Amino acid sequence: MDSALMNQLTEDIKTAMKAQQGEVVMALRTLLAAVKDQTVNAGQAVTDEAVVAVVGKAIKQRLDAIEQFGAAGRQDLVDKEKMQVELYRKYQPRQLERAEIEELVRQCIAESGASSKKEMGKVMQLLMPKVKGCADGKLVNQVVQSLLP
């Protein structure tokens, strides 16, 4: 394993086990299993980038579940999912604020010469590599749409 994030995740599991934090252990083991499934079991190397990708996907799944559980009135499950999201964010790079995303979007609009929403694809093509893992795709999409005439 040459991933600092993977090593950190393993250490955090051990710490939670010693502290007898059952829910934390279970949440972190779930994340560890997802990372191993996407990397080792798929014949790929465990890198920080791979861990960040899996964490991003896991957070997105939890956020979708929060919406659904909230609509169903299951506050107990909403709280559990929120706890997992907060745990998983530790293994993600710092997330960009909306103002930072807007600045990047303006740069990409200028760079691409896009002048309408029809050219949103050009902007997204330039923008996504810059924000990958650091911003929620839905938010990025909203910002681009709001800044294109």
C-alpha atoms as a PDB file:
ATOM      1  CA  MET A   1       0.000   0.000   0.000  1.00  0.00           C
ATOM      2  CA  ASP A   2       1.488   3.291  -1.058  1.00  0.00           C
ATOM      3  CA  SER A   3      -1.447   5.434  -0.051  1.00  0.00           C
ATOM      4  CA  ALA A   4      -1.179   7.710   2.967  1.00  0.00           C
ATOM      5  CA  LEU A   5      -4.983   7.975   3.032  1.00  0.00           C
ATOM      6  CA  MET A   6      -5.366   4.189   3.104  1.00  0.00           C
ATOM      7  CA  ASN A   7      -2.866   3.973   5.961  1.00  0.00           C
ATOM      8  CA  GLN A   8      -4.745   6.735   7.812  1.00  0.00           C
ATOM      9  CA  LEU A   9      -8.053   4.913   7.303  1.00  0.00           C
ATOM     10  CA  THR A  10      -6.582   1.675   8.703  1.00  0.00           C
ATOM     11  CA  GLU A  11      -5.145   3.508  11.722  1.00  0.00           C
ATOM     12  CA  ASP A  12      -8.465   5.260  12.356  1.00  0.00           C
ATOM     13  CA  ILE A  13     -10.241   1.893  12.363  1.00  0.00           C
ATOM     14  CA  LYS A  14      -7.788   0.580  14.979  1.00  0.00           C
ATOM     15  CA  THR A  15      -8.254   3.715  17.106  1.00  0.00           C
ATOM     16  CA  ALA A  16     -12.050   3.461  16.923  1.00  0.00           C
ATOM     17  CA  MET A  17     -11.892  -0.231  17.838  1.00  0.00           C
ATOM     18  CA  LYS A  18      -9.776   0.514  20.920  1.00  0.00           C
ATOM     19  CA  ALA A  19     -12.241   3.248  21.917  1.00  0.00           C
ATOM     20  CA  GLN A  20     -15.116   0.793  21.360  1.00  0.00           C
ATOM     21  CA  GLN A  21     -16.902   3.125  18.932  1.00  0.00           C
ATOM     22  CA  GLY A  22     -18.996   0.497  17.171  1.00  0.00           C
ATOM     23  CA  GLU A  23     -20.762   2.736  14.654  1.00  0.00           C
ATOM     24  CA  VAL A  24     -17.528   4.511  13.701  1.00  0.00           C
ATOM     25  CA  VAL A  25     -15.742   1.179  13.220  1.00  0.00           C
ATOM     26  CA  MET A  26     -18.558  -0.104  11.039  1.00  0.00           C
ATOM     27  CA  ALA A  27     -18.658   3.063   8.916  1.00  0.00           C
ATOM     28  CA  LEU A  28     -14.884   3.080   8.423  1.00  0.00           C
ATOM     29  CA  ARG A  29     -14.771  -0.640   7.633  1.00  0.00           C
ATOM     30  CA  THR A  30     -17.494  -0.079   5.031  1.00  0.00           C
ATOM     31  CA  LEU A  31     -15.328   2.621   3.445  1.00  0.00           C
ATOM     32  CA  LEU A  32     -12.228   0.407   3.623  1.00  0.00           C
ATOM     33  CA  ALA A  33     -14.123  -2.424   1.903  1.00  0.00           C
ATOM     34  CA  ALA A  34     -15.260  -0.039  -0.852  1.00  0.00           C
ATOM     35  CA  VAL A  35     -11.692   1.179  -1.383  1.00  0.00           C
ATOM     36  CA  LYS A  36     -10.354  -2.386  -1.563  1.00  0.00           C
ATOM     37  CA  ASP A  37     -13.158  -3.410  -3.909  1.00  0.00           C
ATOM     38  CA  GLN A  38     -12.413  -0.559  -6.321  1.00  0.00           C
ATOM     39  CA  THR A  39      -8.628  -0.991  -6.191  1.00  0.00           C
ATOM     40  CA  VAL A  40      -7.109  -4.268  -4.991  1.00  0.00           C
ATOM     41  CA  ASN A  41      -9.986  -6.494  -6.136  1.00  0.00           C
ATOM     42  CA  ALA A  42     -10.065  -4.685  -9.492  1.00  0.00           C
ATOM     43  CA  GLY A  43      -6.327  -5.286  -9.944  1.00  0.00           C
ATOM     44  CA  GLN A  44      -5.387  -1.641  -9.518  1.00  0.00           C
ATOM     45  CA  ALA A  45      -2.916   0.060  -7.213  1.00  0.00           C
ATOM     46  CA  VAL A  46      -4.122   1.725  -4.030  1.00  0.00           C
ATOM     47  CA  THR A  47      -3.245   5.397  -4.502  1.00  0.00           C
ATOM     48  CA  ASP A  48      -4.450   8.510  -2.726  1.00  0.00           C
ATOM     49  CA  GLU A  49      -6.292   9.478  -5.934  1.00  0.00           C
ATOM     50  CA  ALA A  50      -8.134   6.146  -5.949  1.00  0.00           C
ATOM     51  CA  VAL A  51      -9.051   6.528  -2.277  1.00  0.00           C
ATOM     52  CA  VAL A  52     -10.318  10.096  -2.887  1.00  0.00           C
ATOM     53  CA  ALA A  53     -12.453   8.862  -5.804  1.00  0.00           C
ATOM     54  CA  VAL A  54     -14.022   6.101  -3.686  1.00  0.00           C
ATOM     55  CA  VAL A  55     -14.590   8.493  -0.771  1.00  0.00           C
ATOM     56  CA  GLY A  56     -16.275  10.996  -3.096  1.00  0.00           C
ATOM     57  CA  LYS A  57     -18.575   8.297  -4.415  1.00  0.00           C
ATOM     58  CA  ALA A  58     -19.379   7.080  -0.893  1.00  0.00           C
ATOM     59  CA  ILE A  59     -20.205  10.607   0.261  1.00  0.00           C
ATOM     60  CA  LYS A  60     -22.442  11.164  -2.758  1.00  0.00           C
ATOM     61  CA  GLN A  61     -24.304   7.927  -1.977  1.00  0.00           C
ATOM     62  CA  ARG A  62     -24.764   9.002   1.650  1.00  0.00           C
ATOM     63  CA  LEU A  63     -26.043  12.449   0.630  1.00  0.00           C
ATOM     64  CA  ASP A  64     -28.584  10.840  -1.727  1.00  0.00           C
ATOM     65  CA  ALA A  65     -29.663   8.511   1.092  1.00  0.00           C
ATOM     66  CA  ILE A  66     -30.065  11.486   3.450  1.00  0.00           C
ATOM     67  CA  GLU A  67     -32.464  13.105   0.970  1.00  0.00           C
ATOM     68  CA  GLN A  68     -34.497   9.915   0.624  1.00  0.00           C
ATOM     69  CA  PHE A  69     -34.589   9.135   4.341  1.00  0.00           C
ATOM     70  CA  GLY A  70     -35.513  12.748   5.090  1.00  0.00           C
ATOM     71  CA  ALA A  71     -38.431  12.560   2.657  1.00  0.00           C
ATOM     72  CA  ALA A  72     -39.556   9.331   4.335  1.00  0.00           C
ATOM     73  CA  GLY A  73     -39.376  10.933   7.789  1.00  0.00           C
ATOM     74  CA  ARG A  74     -36.639   8.594   9.070  1.00  0.00           C
ATOM     75  CA  GLN A  75     -34.575  11.026  11.144  1.00  0.00           C
ATOM     76  CA  ASP A  76     -32.696   8.161  12.830  1.00  0.00           C
ATOM     77  CA  LEU A  77     -31.314   7.031   9.469  1.00  0.00           C
ATOM     78  CA  VAL A  78     -30.648  10.627   8.365  1.00  0.00           C
ATOM     79  CA  ASP A  79     -28.508  11.141  11.486  1.00  0.00           C
ATOM     80  CA  LYS A  80     -26.589   7.899  10.865  1.00  0.00           C
ATOM     81  CA  GLU A  81     -25.838   8.863   7.241  1.00  0.00           C
ATOM     82  CA  LYS A  82     -24.779  12.393   8.273  1.00  0.00           C
ATOM     83  CA  MET A  83     -22.350  10.911  10.805  1.00  0.00           C
ATOM     84  CA  GLN A  84     -20.827   8.773   8.046  1.00  0.00           C
ATOM     85  CA  VAL A  85     -20.510  11.757   5.683  1.00  0.00           C
ATOM     86  CA  GLU A  86     -18.643  13.712   8.370  1.00  0.00           C
ATOM     87  CA  LEU A  87     -16.337  10.745   9.018  1.00  0.00           C
ATOM     88  CA  TYR A  88     -15.616  10.273   5.311  1.00  0.00           C
ATOM     89  CA  ARG A  89     -14.885  13.973   4.649  1.00  0.00           C
ATOM     90  CA  LYS A  90     -11.648  13.512   6.618  1.00  0.00           C
ATOM     91  CA  TYR A  91     -10.294  11.465   3.697  1.00  0.00           C
ATOM     92  CA  GLN A  92     -11.211  14.054   1.066  1.00  0.00           C
ATOM     93  CA  PRO A  93      -9.216  17.072  -0.060  1.00  0.00           C
ATOM     94  CA  ARG A  94     -10.478  20.443   1.170  1.00  0.00           C
ATOM     95  CA  GLN A  95     -13.720  21.248  -0.621  1.00  0.00           C
ATOM     96  CA  LEU A  96     -13.871  24.450  -2.639  1.00  0.00           C
ATOM     97  CA  GLU A  97     -16.227  27.208  -1.505  1.00  0.00           C
ATOM     98  CA  ARG A  98     -18.850  28.505  -3.935  1.00  0.00           C
ATOM     99  CA  ALA A  99     -16.863  31.751  -4.470  1.00  0.00           C
ATOM    100  CA  GLU A 100     -13.752  29.753  -5.422  1.00  0.00           C
ATOM    101  CA  ILE A 101     -15.781  27.649  -7.870  1.00  0.00           C
ATOM    102  CA  GLU A 102     -17.296  30.807  -9.395  1.00  0.00           C
ATOM    103  CA  GLU A 103     -13.809  32.229  -9.961  1.00  0.00           C
ATOM    104  CA  LEU A 104     -12.667  29.022 -11.698  1.00  0.00           C
ATOM    105  CA  VAL A 105     -15.849  28.980 -13.802  1.00  0.00           C
ATOM    106  CA  ARG A 106     -15.253  32.589 -14.917  1.00  0.00           C
ATOM    107  CA  GLN A 107     -11.691  31.666 -15.927  1.00  0.00           C
ATOM    108  CA  CYS A 108     -12.887  28.642 -17.900  1.00  0.00           C
ATOM    109  CA  ILE A 109     -15.656  30.650 -19.603  1.00  0.00           C
ATOM    110  CA  ALA A 110     -13.075  33.236 -20.689  1.00  0.00           C
ATOM    111  CA  GLU A 111     -10.628  30.530 -21.778  1.00  0.00           C
ATOM    112  CA  SER A 112     -13.229  28.609 -23.789  1.00  0.00           C
ATOM    113  CA  GLY A 113     -14.935  31.674 -25.243  1.00  0.00           C
ATOM    114  CA  ALA A 114     -18.343  30.219 -24.332  1.00  0.00           C
ATOM    115  CA  SER A 115     -21.129  32.754 -24.670  1.00  0.00           C
ATOM    116  CA  SER A 116     -24.295  30.759 -23.956  1.00  0.00           C
ATOM    117  CA  LYS A 117     -25.638  27.758 -22.079  1.00  0.00           C
ATOM    118  CA  LYS A 118     -25.394  25.789 -25.336  1.00  0.00           C
ATOM    119  CA  GLU A 119     -21.612  25.891 -24.936  1.00  0.00           C
ATOM    120  CA  MET A 120     -21.686  24.618 -21.358  1.00  0.00           C
ATOM    121  CA  GLY A 121     -19.862  21.458 -22.430  1.00  0.00           C
ATOM    122  CA  LYS A 122     -16.772  23.443 -23.433  1.00  0.00           C
ATOM    123  CA  VAL A 123     -16.642  25.083 -20.007  1.00  0.00           C
ATOM    124  CA  MET A 124     -17.223  21.821 -18.123  1.00  0.00           C
ATOM    125  CA  GLN A 125     -14.484  20.087 -20.128  1.00  0.00           C
ATOM    126  CA  LEU A 126     -11.955  22.689 -18.963  1.00  0.00           C
ATOM    127  CA  LEU A 127     -13.350  23.000 -15.458  1.00  0.00           C
ATOM    128  CA  MET A 128     -13.803  19.415 -14.239  1.00  0.00           C
ATOM    129  CA  PRO A 129     -10.096  18.467 -14.150  1.00  0.00           C
ATOM    130  CA  LYS A 130      -9.493  21.553 -11.971  1.00  0.00           C
ATOM    131  CA  VAL A 131     -12.218  20.755  -9.428  1.00  0.00           C
ATOM    132  CA  LYS A 132     -12.148  16.941  -9.450  1.00  0.00           C
ATOM    133  CA  GLY A 133     -12.447  15.633  -5.901  1.00  0.00           C
ATOM    134  CA  CYS A 134     -12.590  19.184  -4.509  1.00  0.00           C
ATOM    135  CA  ALA A 135     -16.162  20.161  -5.356  1.00  0.00           C
ATOM    136  CA  ASP A 136     -19.589  18.579  -5.663  1.00  0.00           C
ATOM    137  CA  GLY A 137     -20.532  18.062  -9.321  1.00  0.00           C
ATOM    138  CA  LYS A 138     -24.083  19.340  -8.773  1.00  0.00           C
ATOM    139  CA  LEU A 139     -22.796  22.592  -7.304  1.00  0.00           C
ATOM    140  CA  VAL A 140     -20.290  23.034 -10.141  1.00  0.00           C
ATOM    141  CA  ASN A 141     -23.063  22.463 -12.671  1.00  0.00           C
ATOM    142  CA  GLN A 142     -25.324  25.041 -10.943  1.00  0.00           C
ATOM    143  CA  VAL A 143     -22.542  27.642 -10.871  1.00  0.00           C
ATOM    144  CA  VAL A 144     -21.743  27.156 -14.570  1.00  0.00           C
ATOM    145  CA  GLN A 145     -25.429  27.469 -15.493  1.00  0.00           C
ATOM    146  CA  SER A 146     -25.821  30.587 -13.366  1.00  0.00           C
ATOM    147  CA  LEU A 147     -22.808  32.308 -14.962  1.00  0.00           C
ATOM    148  CA  LEU A 148     -23.566  31.470 -18.590  1.00  0.00           C
ATOM    149  CA  PRO A 149     -26.148  33.750 -20.254  1.00  0.00           C
END
